Amino acid sequence: MAVRIEFQAEPLPGYRLLERLGGGGFGEVWKCEAPGGLHKAIKFVYGDLGAAGEDGCRAEQELKALSRVKTVRHPFILSLE
């Protein structure tokens, strides 16, 4: 499913994109306003998990890395939802 990634877009219900924070080979990170007015960061990962070849492999590698980081609790690392 294609997601619109631009200022003021709402890629997830209740999450409005405010500012692009950065990007690289694996995706982009945006500051967003979440339900209740909270500011959060959203990472959009390039690639398709269902794709064959390099595109699918890259997306799967990033998903595994994010899964490992989800359990880390550290004052300088944002929590993942």
N, C-alpha and C. Protein backbone atom coordinates (compact mmCIF):
# COMPACT_ATOMS: atom_id res chain seq x y z
N MET A 1 0.84 -1.18 0.00
CA MET A 1 0.00 0.00 0.00
C MET A 1 0.89 1.24 0.00
N ALA A 2 0.64 2.14 -0.91
CA ALA A 2 1.41 3.38 -1.00
C ALA A 2 0.94 4.35 0.08
N VAL A 3 1.89 5.00 0.71
CA VAL A 3 1.59 5.98 1.76
C VAL A 3 2.10 7.33 1.29
N ARG A 4 1.30 8.36 1.46
CA ARG A 4 1.69 9.72 1.10
C ARG A 4 2.59 10.26 2.21
N ILE A 5 3.82 10.58 1.87
CA ILE A 5 4.79 11.09 2.85
C ILE A 5 5.12 12.53 2.48
N GLU A 6 4.38 13.46 3.08
CA GLU A 6 4.61 14.88 2.85
C GLU A 6 4.03 15.66 4.03
N PHE A 7 4.44 16.91 4.15
CA PHE A 7 4.00 17.79 5.23
C PHE A 7 2.48 17.79 5.34
N GLN A 8 1.98 17.65 6.56
CA GLN A 8 0.56 17.67 6.92
C GLN A 8 -0.21 16.40 6.51
N ALA A 9 0.46 15.44 5.88
CA ALA A 9 -0.21 14.18 5.53
C ALA A 9 -0.51 13.40 6.81
N GLU A 10 -1.48 12.50 6.75
CA GLU A 10 -1.85 11.66 7.89
C GLU A 10 -1.72 10.19 7.44
N PRO A 11 -0.47 9.65 7.48
CA PRO A 11 -0.25 8.29 6.98
C PRO A 11 -0.89 7.21 7.85
N LEU A 12 -1.09 7.52 9.12
CA LEU A 12 -1.81 6.65 10.05
C LEU A 12 -2.90 7.51 10.68
N PRO A 13 -4.08 6.94 10.91
CA PRO A 13 -5.15 7.73 11.52
C PRO A 13 -4.70 8.41 12.82
N GLY A 14 -4.83 9.72 12.87
CA GLY A 14 -4.48 10.48 14.07
C GLY A 14 -3.04 10.95 14.14
N TYR A 15 -2.20 10.57 13.18
CA TYR A 15 -0.78 10.94 13.17
C TYR A 15 -0.53 11.86 11.97
N ARG A 16 -0.26 13.14 12.26
CA ARG A 16 -0.08 14.15 11.21
C ARG A 16 1.40 14.51 11.10
N LEU A 17 1.96 14.42 9.90
CA LEU A 17 3.38 14.71 9.67
C LEU A 17 3.64 16.21 9.77
N LEU A 18 4.68 16.57 10.55
CA LEU A 18 5.01 17.97 10.78
C LEU A 18 6.32 18.40 10.12
N GLU A 19 7.33 17.53 10.18
CA GLU A 19 8.65 17.94 9.70
C GLU A 19 9.49 16.71 9.39
N ARG A 20 10.16 16.73 8.24
CA ARG A 20 11.08 15.64 7.91
C ARG A 20 12.35 15.85 8.71
N LEU A 21 12.74 14.84 9.50
CA LEU A 21 13.92 14.95 10.35
C LEU A 21 15.17 14.43 9.67
N GLY A 22 15.01 13.49 8.76
CA GLY A 22 16.18 12.95 8.07
C GLY A 22 15.82 11.74 7.24
N GLY A 23 16.79 11.26 6.52
CA GLY A 23 16.56 10.10 5.68
C GLY A 23 17.87 9.51 5.23
N GLY A 24 17.78 8.30 4.71
CA GLY A 24 18.97 7.61 4.23
C GLY A 24 18.57 6.47 3.31
N GLY A 25 19.44 5.51 3.20
CA GLY A 25 19.22 4.40 2.29
C GLY A 25 18.06 3.50 2.65
N PHE A 26 17.68 3.47 3.93
CA PHE A 26 16.61 2.57 4.37
C PHE A 26 15.26 3.25 4.53
N GLY A 27 15.23 4.58 4.58
CA GLY A 27 13.94 5.24 4.74
C GLY A 27 14.06 6.68 5.20
N GLU A 28 12.94 7.20 5.74
CA GLU A 28 12.87 8.58 6.21
C GLU A 28 12.28 8.59 7.62
N VAL A 29 12.68 9.60 8.40
CA VAL A 29 12.12 9.80 9.74
C VAL A 29 11.44 11.17 9.76
N TRP A 30 10.22 11.19 10.26
CA TRP A 30 9.42 12.42 10.34
C TRP A 30 8.97 12.67 11.77
N LYS A 31 8.95 13.95 12.16
CA LYS A 31 8.30 14.37 13.40
C LYS A 31 6.81 14.43 13.09
N CYS A 32 5.99 13.93 14.02
CA CYS A 32 4.55 13.96 13.78
C CYS A 32 3.82 14.34 15.07
N GLU A 33 2.58 14.74 14.89
CA GLU A 33 1.70 14.98 16.02
C GLU A 33 0.78 13.78 16.13
N ALA A 34 0.82 13.13 17.29
CA ALA A 34 0.03 11.93 17.55
C ALA A 34 -1.26 12.31 18.27
N PRO A 35 -2.18 11.37 18.41
CA PRO A 35 -3.40 11.66 19.16
C PRO A 35 -3.08 12.24 20.54
N GLY A 36 -3.84 13.21 20.95
CA GLY A 36 -3.61 13.88 22.23
C GLY A 36 -2.59 15.00 22.14
N GLY A 37 -2.10 15.30 20.93
CA GLY A 37 -1.15 16.39 20.76
C GLY A 37 0.29 16.03 21.06
N LEU A 38 0.58 14.75 21.32
CA LEU A 38 1.95 14.33 21.61
C LEU A 38 2.80 14.40 20.35
N HIS A 39 4.06 14.78 20.51
CA HIS A 39 4.99 14.76 19.37
C HIS A 39 5.77 13.46 19.41
N LYS A 40 5.82 12.80 18.26
CA LYS A 40 6.52 11.53 18.13
C LYS A 40 7.30 11.52 16.84
N ALA A 41 8.09 10.49 16.64
CA ALA A 41 8.81 10.29 15.38
C ALA A 41 8.28 9.04 14.71
N ILE A 42 8.14 9.10 13.39
CA ILE A 42 7.71 7.95 12.60
C ILE A 42 8.81 7.67 11.59
N LYS A 43 9.18 6.39 11.47
CA LYS A 43 10.15 5.99 10.45
C LYS A 43 9.41 5.25 9.34
N PHE A 44 9.61 5.71 8.12
CA PHE A 44 9.06 5.05 6.94
C PHE A 44 10.20 4.27 6.30
N VAL A 45 10.04 2.97 6.21
CA VAL A 45 11.09 2.11 5.66
C VAL A 45 10.82 1.87 4.19
N TYR A 46 11.84 2.07 3.36
CA TYR A 46 11.72 1.80 1.93
C TYR A 46 11.71 0.29 1.72
N GLY A 47 11.03 -0.15 0.69
CA GLY A 47 11.05 -1.56 0.34
C GLY A 47 9.70 -2.22 0.56
N ASP A 48 9.64 -3.48 0.18
CA ASP A 48 8.41 -4.26 0.25
C ASP A 48 8.75 -5.63 0.80
N LEU A 49 8.21 -5.97 1.97
CA LEU A 49 8.50 -7.26 2.59
C LEU A 49 8.10 -8.43 1.70
N GLY A 50 7.11 -8.23 0.85
CA GLY A 50 6.65 -9.30 -0.03
C GLY A 50 7.42 -9.41 -1.33
N ALA A 51 8.34 -8.48 -1.57
CA ALA A 51 9.08 -8.48 -2.83
C ALA A 51 10.22 -9.48 -2.79
N ALA A 52 10.56 -9.98 -3.96
CA ALA A 52 11.71 -10.88 -4.09
C ALA A 52 12.96 -10.04 -4.31
N GLY A 53 14.09 -10.61 -4.02
CA GLY A 53 15.35 -9.95 -4.31
C GLY A 53 15.76 -8.93 -3.27
N GLU A 54 16.58 -7.98 -3.72
CA GLU A 54 17.20 -7.01 -2.81
C GLU A 54 16.18 -6.13 -2.09
N ASP A 55 15.11 -5.73 -2.76
CA ASP A 55 14.11 -4.86 -2.15
C ASP A 55 13.47 -5.52 -0.93
N GLY A 56 13.07 -6.77 -1.06
CA GLY A 56 12.47 -7.49 0.06
C GLY A 56 13.47 -7.79 1.16
N CYS A 57 14.69 -8.11 0.77
CA CYS A 57 15.74 -8.43 1.74
C CYS A 57 16.08 -7.20 2.58
N ARG A 58 16.16 -6.04 1.94
CA ARG A 58 16.48 -4.80 2.66
C ARG A 58 15.38 -4.46 3.67
N ALA A 59 14.12 -4.59 3.25
CA ALA A 59 13.00 -4.29 4.14
C ALA A 59 12.97 -5.26 5.31
N GLU A 60 13.23 -6.53 5.05
CA GLU A 60 13.24 -7.53 6.13
C GLU A 60 14.37 -7.27 7.11
N GLN A 61 15.54 -6.89 6.61
CA GLN A 61 16.68 -6.58 7.47
C GLN A 61 16.35 -5.40 8.40
N GLU A 62 15.72 -4.37 7.88
CA GLU A 62 15.36 -3.21 8.69
C GLU A 62 14.30 -3.58 9.72
N LEU A 63 13.33 -4.41 9.35
CA LEU A 63 12.30 -4.86 10.29
C LEU A 63 12.92 -5.65 11.44
N LYS A 64 13.88 -6.52 11.15
CA LYS A 64 14.56 -7.28 12.20
C LYS A 64 15.33 -6.36 13.14
N ALA A 65 16.00 -5.35 12.58
CA ALA A 65 16.75 -4.41 13.42
C ALA A 65 15.82 -3.63 14.33
N LEU A 66 14.69 -3.17 13.81
CA LEU A 66 13.72 -2.44 14.63
C LEU A 66 13.13 -3.35 15.71
N SER A 67 12.91 -4.61 15.40
CA SER A 67 12.38 -5.56 16.38
C SER A 67 13.35 -5.74 17.54
N ARG A 68 14.66 -5.78 17.24
CA ARG A 68 15.66 -5.92 18.31
C ARG A 68 15.70 -4.67 19.19
N VAL A 69 15.59 -3.51 18.59
CA VAL A 69 15.68 -2.24 19.33
C VAL A 69 14.43 -2.02 20.19
N LYS A 70 13.30 -2.60 19.83
CA LYS A 70 12.05 -2.39 20.58
C LYS A 70 12.19 -2.74 22.06
N THR A 71 13.03 -3.71 22.39
CA THR A 71 13.14 -4.16 23.77
C THR A 71 14.17 -3.37 24.58
N VAL A 72 14.95 -2.52 23.93
CA VAL A 72 16.00 -1.76 24.61
C VAL A 72 15.37 -0.59 25.36
N ARG A 73 15.77 -0.41 26.60
CA ARG A 73 15.33 0.73 27.41
C ARG A 73 16.58 1.52 27.81
N HIS A 74 16.68 2.73 27.31
CA HIS A 74 17.84 3.58 27.57
C HIS A 74 17.39 5.03 27.53
N PRO A 75 17.94 5.89 28.39
CA PRO A 75 17.47 7.28 28.43
C PRO A 75 17.72 8.07 27.13
N PHE A 76 18.63 7.60 26.28
CA PHE A 76 18.93 8.33 25.05
C PHE A 76 18.35 7.66 23.81
N ILE A 77 17.50 6.66 23.99
CA ILE A 77 16.84 5.98 22.87
C ILE A 77 15.34 6.12 23.05
N LEU A 78 14.66 6.57 21.99
CA LEU A 78 13.20 6.69 22.04
C LEU A 78 12.57 5.32 22.14
N SER A 79 11.46 5.22 22.85
CA SER A 79 10.74 3.95 22.91
C SER A 79 10.00 3.74 21.59
N LEU A 80 9.82 2.49 21.22
CA LEU A 80 9.12 2.14 19.98
C LEU A 80 7.75 1.61 20.29
N GLU A 81 6.78 1.97 19.47
CA GLU A 81 5.42 1.47 19.64
C GLU A 81 5.06 0.60 18.46
